[in-house]
Amino acid sequence: MDLYQDETQADDPTLVGENCHIVAESDEGPRGSSLMSLDQRDSYKNVILLCRNHHKIIDAQEGKYTVQYLLDMKSVH
């Protein structure tokens, strides 16, 4: 899925990606079991840009999409 929609003759371009946390904002969220502080959880290092569909999939399938998996994915991109 695209994270960016090009401009049209009538409209400006738009970003359709979502900022997603690799380690959840709270301990109760997906991949939330971490020693990271709340400030660290909102840092650039802990955020990845995803489309809405993949954001849902990644948060629902924590066993497959581990913190390390997501960090590696971010590094490749």
PDB file of N, CA and C in Angstrom:
ATOM      1  N   MET A   1       0.835  -1.183   0.000  1.00  0.00           N
ATOM      2  CA  MET A   1       0.000   0.000   0.000  1.00  0.00           C
ATOM      3  C   MET A   1       0.879   1.245   0.000  1.00  0.00           C
ATOM      4  N   ASP A   2       0.395   2.278  -0.638  1.00  0.00           N
ATOM      5  CA  ASP A   2       1.106   3.544  -0.668  1.00  0.00           C
ATOM      6  C   ASP A   2       0.921   4.289   0.643  1.00  0.00           C
ATOM      7  N   LEU A   3       1.935   5.035   1.029  1.00  0.00           N
ATOM      8  CA  LEU A   3       1.866   5.863   2.229  1.00  0.00           C
ATOM      9  C   LEU A   3       1.647   7.319   1.870  1.00  0.00           C
ATOM     10  N   TYR A   4       1.606   7.590   0.573  1.00  0.00           N
ATOM     11  CA  TYR A   4       1.517   8.952   0.071  1.00  0.00           C
ATOM     12  C   TYR A   4       0.641   8.945  -1.171  1.00  0.00           C
ATOM     13  N   GLN A   5      -0.279   9.879  -1.257  1.00  0.00           N
ATOM     14  CA  GLN A   5      -1.145   9.998  -2.426  1.00  0.00           C
ATOM     15  C   GLN A   5      -0.739  11.243  -3.197  1.00  0.00           C
ATOM     16  N   ASP A   6      -0.401  11.076  -4.475  1.00  0.00           N
ATOM     17  CA  ASP A   6       0.026  12.207  -5.293  1.00  0.00           C
ATOM     18  C   ASP A   6      -1.082  13.246  -5.428  1.00  0.00           C
ATOM     19  N   GLU A   7      -0.662  14.444  -5.775  1.00  0.00           N
ATOM     20  CA  GLU A   7      -1.639  15.520  -5.989  1.00  0.00           C
ATOM     21  C   GLU A   7      -2.481  15.227  -7.224  1.00  0.00           C
ATOM     22  N   THR A   8      -3.636  15.827  -7.276  1.00  0.00           N
ATOM     23  CA  THR A   8      -4.503  15.759  -8.452  1.00  0.00           C
ATOM     24  C   THR A   8      -4.627  17.172  -8.997  1.00  0.00           C
ATOM     25  N   GLN A   9      -5.360  17.332 -10.067  1.00  0.00           N
ATOM     26  CA  GLN A   9      -5.560  18.680 -10.609  1.00  0.00           C
ATOM     27  C   GLN A   9      -6.316  19.569  -9.620  1.00  0.00           C
ATOM     28  N   ALA A  10      -7.120  18.961  -8.767  1.00  0.00           N
ATOM     29  CA  ALA A  10      -7.943  19.739  -7.844  1.00  0.00           C
ATOM     30  C   ALA A  10      -7.425  19.758  -6.406  1.00  0.00           C
ATOM     31  N   ASP A  11      -6.517  18.827  -6.058  1.00  0.00           N
ATOM     32  CA  ASP A  11      -6.134  18.693  -4.660  1.00  0.00           C
ATOM     33  C   ASP A  11      -4.626  18.577  -4.472  1.00  0.00           C
ATOM     34  N   ASP A  12      -4.174  18.934  -3.286  1.00  0.00           N
ATOM     35  CA  ASP A  12      -2.773  18.797  -2.900  1.00  0.00           C
ATOM     36  C   ASP A  12      -2.457  17.330  -2.617  1.00  0.00           C
ATOM     37  N   PRO A  13      -1.167  16.980  -2.603  1.00  0.00           N
ATOM     38  CA  PRO A  13      -0.789  15.617  -2.202  1.00  0.00           C
ATOM     39  C   PRO A  13      -1.138  15.402  -0.730  1.00  0.00           C
ATOM     40  N   THR A  14      -1.249  14.142  -0.322  1.00  0.00           N
ATOM     41  CA  THR A  14      -1.583  13.857   1.068  1.00  0.00           C
ATOM     42  C   THR A  14      -0.824  12.633   1.575  1.00  0.00           C
ATOM     43  N   LEU A  15      -0.487  12.676   2.839  1.00  0.00           N
ATOM     44  CA  LEU A  15       0.165  11.558   3.503  1.00  0.00           C
ATOM     45  C   LEU A  15      -0.922  10.662   4.087  1.00  0.00           C
ATOM     46  N   VAL A  16      -0.918   9.393   3.707  1.00  0.00           N
ATOM     47  CA  VAL A  16      -1.928   8.458   4.222  1.00  0.00           C
ATOM     48  C   VAL A  16      -1.320   7.433   5.164  1.00  0.00           C
ATOM     49  N   GLY A  17      -0.027   7.574   5.449  1.00  0.00           N
ATOM     50  CA  GLY A  17       0.628   6.699   6.410  1.00  0.00           C
ATOM     51  C   GLY A  17       0.318   7.130   7.829  1.00  0.00           C
ATOM     52  N   GLU A  18       0.551   6.219   8.763  1.00  0.00           N
ATOM     53  CA  GLU A  18       0.329   6.496  10.177  1.00  0.00           C
ATOM     54  C   GLU A  18       1.634   6.298  10.933  1.00  0.00           C
ATOM     55  N   ASN A  19       1.905   7.182  11.889  1.00  0.00           N
ATOM     56  CA  ASN A  19       3.035   6.984  12.797  1.00  0.00           C
ATOM     57  C   ASN A  19       2.660   5.886  13.774  1.00  0.00           C
ATOM     58  N   CYS A  20       3.462   4.854  13.847  1.00  0.00           N
ATOM     59  CA  CYS A  20       3.161   3.707  14.691  1.00  0.00           C
ATOM     60  C   CYS A  20       4.324   3.452  15.643  1.00  0.00           C
ATOM     61  N   HIS A  21       3.998   3.084  16.864  1.00  0.00           N
ATOM     62  CA  HIS A  21       5.023   2.791  17.862  1.00  0.00           C
ATOM     63  C   HIS A  21       5.530   1.361  17.698  1.00  0.00           C
ATOM     64  N   ILE A  22       6.835   1.195  17.761  1.00  0.00           N
ATOM     65  CA  ILE A  22       7.432  -0.139  17.735  1.00  0.00           C
ATOM     66  C   ILE A  22       7.211  -0.786  19.103  1.00  0.00           C
ATOM     67  N   VAL A  23       7.630  -0.108  20.159  1.00  0.00           N
ATOM     68  CA  VAL A  23       7.259  -0.486  21.527  1.00  0.00           C
ATOM     69  C   VAL A  23       6.069   0.411  21.869  1.00  0.00           C
ATOM     70  N   ALA A  24       5.000  -0.160  22.360  1.00  0.00           N
ATOM     71  CA  ALA A  24       3.765   0.584  22.621  1.00  0.00           C
ATOM     72  C   ALA A  24       4.000   1.778  23.537  1.00  0.00           C
ATOM     73  N   GLU A  25       3.087   2.740  23.454  1.00  0.00           N
ATOM     74  CA  GLU A  25       3.139   3.915  24.329  1.00  0.00           C
ATOM     75  C   GLU A  25       2.979   3.537  25.796  1.00  0.00           C
ATOM     76  N   SER A  26       2.247   2.465  26.053  1.00  0.00           N
ATOM     77  CA  SER A  26       2.024   2.028  27.433  1.00  0.00           C
ATOM     78  C   SER A  26       2.412   0.562  27.570  1.00  0.00           C
ATOM     79  N   ASP A  27       2.585   0.132  28.804  1.00  0.00           N
ATOM     80  CA  ASP A  27       2.954  -1.269  29.052  1.00  0.00           C
ATOM     81  C   ASP A  27       1.887  -2.241  28.579  1.00  0.00           C
ATOM     82  N   GLU A  28       0.644  -1.806  28.508  1.00  0.00           N
ATOM     83  CA  GLU A  28      -0.463  -2.683  28.127  1.00  0.00           C
ATOM     84  C   GLU A  28      -0.618  -2.835  26.615  1.00  0.00           C
ATOM     85  N   GLY A  29       0.033  -1.992  25.832  1.00  0.00           N
ATOM     86  CA  GLY A  29      -0.125  -2.022  24.384  1.00  0.00           C
ATOM     87  C   GLY A  29       0.721  -3.087  23.722  1.00  0.00           C
ATOM     88  N   PRO A  30       0.595  -3.216  22.393  1.00  0.00           N
ATOM     89  CA  PRO A  30       1.381  -4.196  21.644  1.00  0.00           C
ATOM     90  C   PRO A  30       2.882  -3.971  21.835  1.00  0.00           C
ATOM     91  N   ARG A  31       3.579  -5.015  22.156  1.00  0.00           N
ATOM     92  CA  ARG A  31       5.019  -4.963  22.396  1.00  0.00           C
ATOM     93  C   ARG A  31       5.356  -3.955  23.486  1.00  0.00           C
ATOM     94  N   GLY A  32       4.483  -3.832  24.480  1.00  0.00           N
ATOM     95  CA  GLY A  32       4.634  -2.821  25.521  1.00  0.00           C
ATOM     96  C   GLY A  32       5.514  -3.221  26.684  1.00  0.00           C
ATOM     97  N   SER A  33       5.845  -4.480  26.776  1.00  0.00           N
ATOM     98  CA  SER A  33       6.699  -4.943  27.864  1.00  0.00           C
ATOM     99  C   SER A  33       8.134  -4.527  27.564  1.00  0.00           C
ATOM    100  N   SER A  34       8.559  -3.409  28.173  1.00  0.00           N
ATOM    101  CA  SER A  34       9.866  -2.856  27.854  1.00  0.00           C
ATOM    102  C   SER A  34      10.352  -1.993  29.005  1.00  0.00           C
ATOM    103  N   LEU A  35      11.636  -1.815  29.073  1.00  0.00           N
ATOM    104  CA  LEU A  35      12.226  -0.922  30.060  1.00  0.00           C
ATOM    105  C   LEU A  35      12.324   0.516  29.542  1.00  0.00           C
ATOM    106  N   MET A  36      11.854   0.766  28.320  1.00  0.00           N
ATOM    107  CA  MET A  36      11.902   2.114  27.750  1.00  0.00           C
ATOM    108  C   MET A  36      11.055   3.069  28.578  1.00  0.00           C
ATOM    109  N   SER A  37      11.553   4.283  28.745  1.00  0.00           N
ATOM    110  CA  SER A  37      10.768   5.310  29.420  1.00  0.00           C
ATOM    111  C   SER A  37       9.663   5.799  28.475  1.00  0.00           C
ATOM    112  N   LEU A  38       8.698   6.518  29.022  1.00  0.00           N
ATOM    113  CA  LEU A  38       7.624   7.062  28.186  1.00  0.00           C
ATOM    114  C   LEU A  38       8.182   8.038  27.162  1.00  0.00           C
ATOM    115  N   ASP A  39       9.174   8.830  27.535  1.00  0.00           N
ATOM    116  CA  ASP A  39       9.789   9.757  26.577  1.00  0.00           C
ATOM    117  C   ASP A  39      10.469   8.997  25.443  1.00  0.00           C
ATOM    118  N   GLN A  40      11.161   7.924  25.760  1.00  0.00           N
ATOM    119  CA  GLN A  40      11.823   7.123  24.731  1.00  0.00           C
ATOM    120  C   GLN A  40      10.807   6.480  23.795  1.00  0.00           C
ATOM    121  N   ARG A  41       9.662   6.127  24.319  1.00  0.00           N
ATOM    122  CA  ARG A  41       8.634   5.477  23.493  1.00  0.00           C
ATOM    123  C   ARG A  41       8.063   6.423  22.443  1.00  0.00           C
ATOM    124  N   ASP A  42       8.149   7.725  22.688  1.00  0.00           N
ATOM    125  CA  ASP A  42       7.661   8.698  21.719  1.00  0.00           C
ATOM    126  C   ASP A  42       8.776   9.287  20.860  1.00  0.00           C
ATOM    127  N   SER A  43       9.963   8.704  20.931  1.00  0.00           N
ATOM    128  CA  SER A  43      11.088   9.212  20.147  1.00  0.00           C
ATOM    129  C   SER A  43      11.059   8.649  18.723  1.00  0.00           C
ATOM    130  N   TYR A  44      11.805   9.307  17.842  1.00  0.00           N
ATOM    131  CA  TYR A  44      11.884   8.878  16.443  1.00  0.00           C
ATOM    132  C   TYR A  44      12.341   7.425  16.318  1.00  0.00           C
ATOM    133  N   LYS A  45      13.283   7.005  17.174  1.00  0.00           N
ATOM    134  CA  LYS A  45      13.818   5.644  17.100  1.00  0.00           C
ATOM    135  C   LYS A  45      12.738   4.585  17.309  1.00  0.00           C
ATOM    136  N   ASN A  46      11.644   4.949  17.968  1.00  0.00           N
ATOM    137  CA  ASN A  46      10.598   3.984  18.298  1.00  0.00           C
ATOM    138  C   ASN A  46       9.354   4.132  17.428  1.00  0.00           C
ATOM    139  N   VAL A  47       9.453   4.891  16.360  1.00  0.00           N
ATOM    140  CA  VAL A  47       8.291   5.123  15.491  1.00  0.00           C
ATOM    141  C   VAL A  47       8.595   4.616  14.091  1.00  0.00           C
ATOM    142  N   ILE A  48       7.582   4.055  13.463  1.00  0.00           N
ATOM    143  CA  ILE A  48       7.689   3.572  12.084  1.00  0.00           C
ATOM    144  C   ILE A  48       6.435   4.025  11.339  1.00  0.00           C
ATOM    145  N   LEU A  49       6.577   4.380  10.079  1.00  0.00           N
ATOM    146  CA  LEU A  49       5.451   4.832   9.265  1.00  0.00           C
ATOM    147  C   LEU A  49       4.858   3.636   8.525  1.00  0.00           C
ATOM    148  N   LEU A  50       3.568   3.413   8.732  1.00  0.00           N
ATOM    149  CA  LEU A  50       2.871   2.280   8.115  1.00  0.00           C
ATOM    150  C   LEU A  50       1.543   2.733   7.546  1.00  0.00           C
ATOM    151  N   CYS A  51       1.014   1.987   6.599  1.00  0.00           N
ATOM    152  CA  CYS A  51      -0.353   2.224   6.163  1.00  0.00           C
ATOM    153  C   CYS A  51      -1.286   1.709   7.265  1.00  0.00           C
ATOM    154  N   ARG A  52      -2.525   2.148   7.240  1.00  0.00           N
ATOM    155  CA  ARG A  52      -3.493   1.781   8.269  1.00  0.00           C
ATOM    156  C   ARG A  52      -3.695   0.268   8.369  1.00  0.00           C
ATOM    157  N   ASN A  53      -3.742  -0.416   7.234  1.00  0.00           N
ATOM    158  CA  ASN A  53      -3.962  -1.867   7.252  1.00  0.00           C
ATOM    159  C   ASN A  53      -2.803  -2.599   7.926  1.00  0.00           C
ATOM    160  N   HIS A  54      -1.584  -2.234   7.562  1.00  0.00           N
ATOM    161  CA  HIS A  54      -0.433  -2.918   8.155  1.00  0.00           C
ATOM    162  C   HIS A  54      -0.245  -2.533   9.623  1.00  0.00           C
ATOM    163  N   HIS A  55      -0.617  -1.339   9.991  1.00  0.00           N
ATOM    164  CA  HIS A  55      -0.583  -0.948  11.402  1.00  0.00           C
ATOM    165  C   HIS A  55      -1.447  -1.906  12.224  1.00  0.00           C
ATOM    166  N   LYS A  56      -2.644  -2.184  11.753  1.00  0.00           N
ATOM    167  CA  LYS A  56      -3.569  -3.095  12.444  1.00  0.00           C
ATOM    168  C   LYS A  56      -3.002  -4.510  12.510  1.00  0.00           C
ATOM    169  N   ILE A  57      -2.485  -4.994  11.382  1.00  0.00           N
ATOM    170  CA  ILE A  57      -1.937  -6.353  11.321  1.00  0.00           C
ATOM    171  C   ILE A  57      -0.763  -6.503  12.284  1.00  0.00           C
ATOM    172  N   ILE A  58       0.153  -5.574  12.252  1.00  0.00           N
ATOM    173  CA  ILE A  58       1.350  -5.641  13.090  1.00  0.00           C
ATOM    174  C   ILE A  58       0.990  -5.610  14.563  1.00  0.00           C
ATOM    175  N   ASP A  59       0.037  -4.763  14.944  1.00  0.00           N
ATOM    176  CA  ASP A  59      -0.367  -4.708  16.348  1.00  0.00           C
ATOM    177  C   ASP A  59      -1.150  -5.948  16.773  1.00  0.00           C
ATOM    178  N   ALA A  60      -1.846  -6.578  15.853  1.00  0.00           N
ATOM    179  CA  ALA A  60      -2.636  -7.768  16.184  1.00  0.00           C
ATOM    180  C   ALA A  60      -1.787  -9.038  16.211  1.00  0.00           C
ATOM    181  N   GLN A  61      -0.640  -9.028  15.532  1.00  0.00           N
ATOM    182  CA  GLN A  61       0.199 -10.225  15.435  1.00  0.00           C
ATOM    183  C   GLN A  61       1.573  -9.976  16.053  1.00  0.00           C
ATOM    184  N   GLU A  62       1.566  -9.735  17.363  1.00  0.00           N
ATOM    185  CA  GLU A  62       2.798  -9.415  18.089  1.00  0.00           C
ATOM    186  C   GLU A  62       3.824 -10.543  18.050  1.00  0.00           C
ATOM    187  N   GLY A  63       3.363 -11.779  17.961  1.00  0.00           N
ATOM    188  CA  GLY A  63       4.284 -12.909  17.928  1.00  0.00           C
ATOM    189  C   GLY A  63       5.177 -12.890  16.703  1.00  0.00           C
ATOM    190  N   LYS A  64       4.622 -12.507  15.588  1.00  0.00           N
ATOM    191  CA  LYS A  64       5.398 -12.422  14.348  1.00  0.00           C
ATOM    192  C   LYS A  64       6.151 -11.097  14.270  1.00  0.00           C
ATOM    193  N   TYR A  65       5.470 -10.009  14.584  1.00  0.00           N
ATOM    194  CA  TYR A  65       6.044  -8.675  14.450  1.00  0.00           C
ATOM    195  C   TYR A  65       6.606  -8.209  15.789  1.00  0.00           C
ATOM    196  N   THR A  66       7.753  -8.756  16.129  1.00  0.00           N
ATOM    197  CA  THR A  66       8.431  -8.432  17.380  1.00  0.00           C
ATOM    198  C   THR A  66       9.109  -7.061  17.264  1.00  0.00           C
ATOM    199  N   VAL A  67       9.580  -6.557  18.398  1.00  0.00           N
ATOM    200  CA  VAL A  67      10.318  -5.294  18.393  1.00  0.00           C
ATOM    201  C   VAL A  67      11.513  -5.397  17.438  1.00  0.00           C
ATOM    202  N   GLN A  68      12.279  -6.463  17.536  1.00  0.00           N
ATOM    203  CA  GLN A  68      13.460  -6.602  16.677  1.00  0.00           C
ATOM    204  C   GLN A  68      13.076  -6.686  15.203  1.00  0.00           C
ATOM    205  N   TYR A  69      12.024  -7.406  14.884  1.00  0.00           N
ATOM    206  CA  TYR A  69      11.551  -7.511  13.503  1.00  0.00           C
ATOM    207  C   TYR A  69      11.241  -6.121  12.954  1.00  0.00           C
ATOM    208  N   LEU A  70      10.521  -5.314  13.744  1.00  0.00           N
ATOM    209  CA  LEU A  70      10.139  -3.977  13.288  1.00  0.00           C
ATOM    210  C   LEU A  70      11.337  -3.034  13.187  1.00  0.00           C
ATOM    211  N   LEU A  71      12.286  -3.149  14.126  1.00  0.00           N
ATOM    212  CA  LEU A  71      13.500  -2.342  14.036  1.00  0.00           C
ATOM    213  C   LEU A  71      14.297  -2.704  12.787  1.00  0.00           C
ATOM    214  N   ASP A  72      14.387  -3.988  12.481  1.00  0.00           N
ATOM    215  CA  ASP A  72      15.074  -4.423  11.268  1.00  0.00           C
ATOM    216  C   ASP A  72      14.366  -3.913  10.028  1.00  0.00           C
ATOM    217  N   MET A  73      13.043  -3.993  10.019  1.00  0.00           N
ATOM    218  CA  MET A  73      12.253  -3.521   8.880  1.00  0.00           C
ATOM    219  C   MET A  73      12.468  -2.023   8.673  1.00  0.00           C
ATOM    220  N   LYS A  74      12.463  -1.273   9.767  1.00  0.00           N
ATOM    221  CA  LYS A  74      12.691   0.177   9.665  1.00  0.00           C
ATOM    222  C   LYS A  74      14.089   0.462   9.143  1.00  0.00           C
ATOM    223  N   SER A  75      15.066  -0.280   9.597  1.00  0.00           N
ATOM    224  CA  SER A  75      16.449  -0.078   9.165  1.00  0.00           C
ATOM    225  C   SER A  75      16.612  -0.321   7.663  1.00  0.00           C
ATOM    226  N   VAL A  76      15.958  -1.332   7.147  1.00  0.00           N
ATOM    227  CA  VAL A  76      16.040  -1.654   5.715  1.00  0.00           C
ATOM    228  C   VAL A  76      15.424  -0.545   4.866  1.00  0.00           C
ATOM    229  N   HIS A  77      14.351   0.040   5.366  1.00  0.00           N
ATOM    230  CA  HIS A  77      13.668   1.086   4.602  1.00  0.00           C
ATOM    231  C   HIS A  77      14.263   2.435   4.871  1.00  0.00           C
TER     232      HIS A  77
END
